Amino acid sequence: MAYIVMVAAFFLYWLPTIHAASNKHHNAGAIGLVNLFFGWTVLGWIVAFIWAATKPPAQPQLPHYPMQYPPQHPQQQAQPPQYPQQQIGPWNQGQ
């Protein structure tokens, strides 16, 4: 019976760390350290448990625009490139 209580107490002590690791919390290591050093106090265990239950803030998603080369104003239509007309010089007249 004493072993069951010890195993249950061990599991309960490390519950914030187990919760953070199983949910792949971005601060799981820090939560484990807080739990290790301050979990024996009731306040430290509560802080670690609440921290483990939080989710990271959502990262703002930037809109995706297709790449245009050369960059153009969105309302302009892309124009085909204009190549200069071939000039006939004295070396190739009549050909």
Protein backbone atom coordinates (compact mmCIF):
# COMPACT_ATOMS: atom_id res chain seq x y z
CA MET A 1 0.00 0.00 0.00
CA ALA A 2 2.83 2.39 0.82
CA TYR A 3 4.37 1.82 -2.60
CA ILE A 4 1.13 2.74 -4.35
CA VAL A 5 0.94 5.99 -2.37
CA MET A 6 4.60 6.78 -3.18
CA VAL A 7 4.09 6.13 -6.90
CA ALA A 8 0.92 8.22 -6.90
CA ALA A 9 2.68 11.08 -5.05
CA PHE A 10 5.61 10.93 -7.50
CA PHE A 11 3.24 11.05 -10.47
CA LEU A 12 1.24 13.89 -8.92
CA TYR A 13 4.44 15.86 -8.17
CA TRP A 14 5.62 15.63 -11.78
CA LEU A 15 2.17 16.11 -13.32
CA PRO A 16 2.87 19.66 -14.64
CA THR A 17 6.07 18.49 -16.34
CA ILE A 18 4.38 15.40 -17.80
CA HIS A 19 1.50 17.54 -19.06
CA ALA A 20 3.86 20.08 -20.68
CA ALA A 21 6.00 17.39 -22.32
CA SER A 22 3.07 15.39 -23.63
CA ASN A 23 1.49 18.50 -25.19
CA LYS A 24 4.87 19.61 -26.64
CA HIS A 25 4.78 22.92 -24.81
CA HIS A 26 7.42 25.32 -26.13
CA ASN A 27 8.67 25.91 -22.54
CA ALA A 28 8.49 22.32 -21.31
CA GLY A 29 12.09 22.36 -20.06
CA ALA A 30 11.58 25.52 -18.04
CA ILE A 31 8.34 24.15 -16.61
CA GLY A 32 10.23 21.02 -15.57
CA LEU A 33 12.89 23.12 -13.82
CA VAL A 34 10.28 25.19 -11.98
CA ASN A 35 8.59 21.97 -10.96
CA LEU A 36 11.90 20.46 -9.82
CA PHE A 37 13.08 23.40 -7.73
CA PHE A 38 9.81 24.97 -6.56
CA GLY A 39 7.27 22.17 -6.92
CA TRP A 40 7.71 21.10 -3.32
CA THR A 41 6.01 24.35 -2.36
CA VAL A 42 2.34 24.31 -3.16
CA LEU A 43 2.62 27.69 -4.89
CA GLY A 44 5.48 26.52 -7.15
CA TRP A 45 3.51 23.44 -8.17
CA ILE A 46 0.42 25.55 -8.97
CA VAL A 47 2.52 27.99 -11.03
CA ALA A 48 4.09 25.12 -12.97
CA PHE A 49 0.71 23.50 -13.57
CA ILE A 50 -0.93 26.71 -14.80
CA TRP A 51 2.09 27.44 -17.02
CA ALA A 52 1.89 23.94 -18.48
CA ALA A 53 -1.80 24.43 -19.26
CA THR A 54 -1.26 27.64 -21.25
CA LYS A 55 -0.88 27.69 -25.02
CA PRO A 56 1.65 29.82 -26.89
CA PRO A 57 0.33 33.02 -28.45
CA ALA A 58 -0.72 32.63 -32.06
CA GLN A 59 1.79 33.86 -34.60
CA PRO A 60 0.35 36.34 -37.08
CA GLN A 61 0.04 34.81 -40.53
CA LEU A 62 1.24 37.01 -43.35
CA PRO A 63 -0.77 36.92 -46.57
CA HIS A 64 0.84 35.04 -49.43
CA TYR A 65 1.19 36.92 -52.69
CA PRO A 66 2.48 35.22 -55.83
CA MET A 67 5.92 36.36 -56.90
CA GLN A 68 6.01 38.70 -59.89
CA TYR A 69 9.15 39.63 -61.74
CA PRO A 70 9.66 42.45 -62.23
CA PRO A 71 7.43 43.63 -59.40
CA GLN A 72 4.37 45.44 -60.72
CA HIS A 73 1.50 47.35 -59.26
CA PRO A 74 -1.37 44.89 -58.64
CA GLN A 75 -3.70 46.63 -61.13
CA GLN A 76 -1.19 46.92 -63.96
CA GLN A 77 -1.02 44.22 -66.58
CA ALA A 78 2.37 42.80 -67.35
CA GLN A 79 3.60 44.05 -70.72
CA PRO A 80 5.73 41.87 -72.97
CA PRO A 81 9.32 43.12 -73.28
CA GLN A 82 10.01 45.54 -76.12
CA TYR A 83 13.09 44.65 -78.12
CA PRO A 84 14.74 47.23 -80.37
CA GLN A 85 14.37 46.76 -84.13
CA GLN A 86 17.40 45.34 -85.84
CA GLN A 87 19.31 48.13 -87.48
CA ILE A 88 20.96 47.58 -90.82
CA GLY A 89 24.45 48.99 -90.97
CA PRO A 90 26.82 49.48 -93.90
CA TRP A 91 28.28 45.99 -93.32
CA ASN A 92 25.03 44.07 -93.90
CA GLN A 93 23.01 46.15 -96.37
CA GLY A 94 20.73 44.21 -98.57
CA GLN A 95 20.93 40.93 -96.74
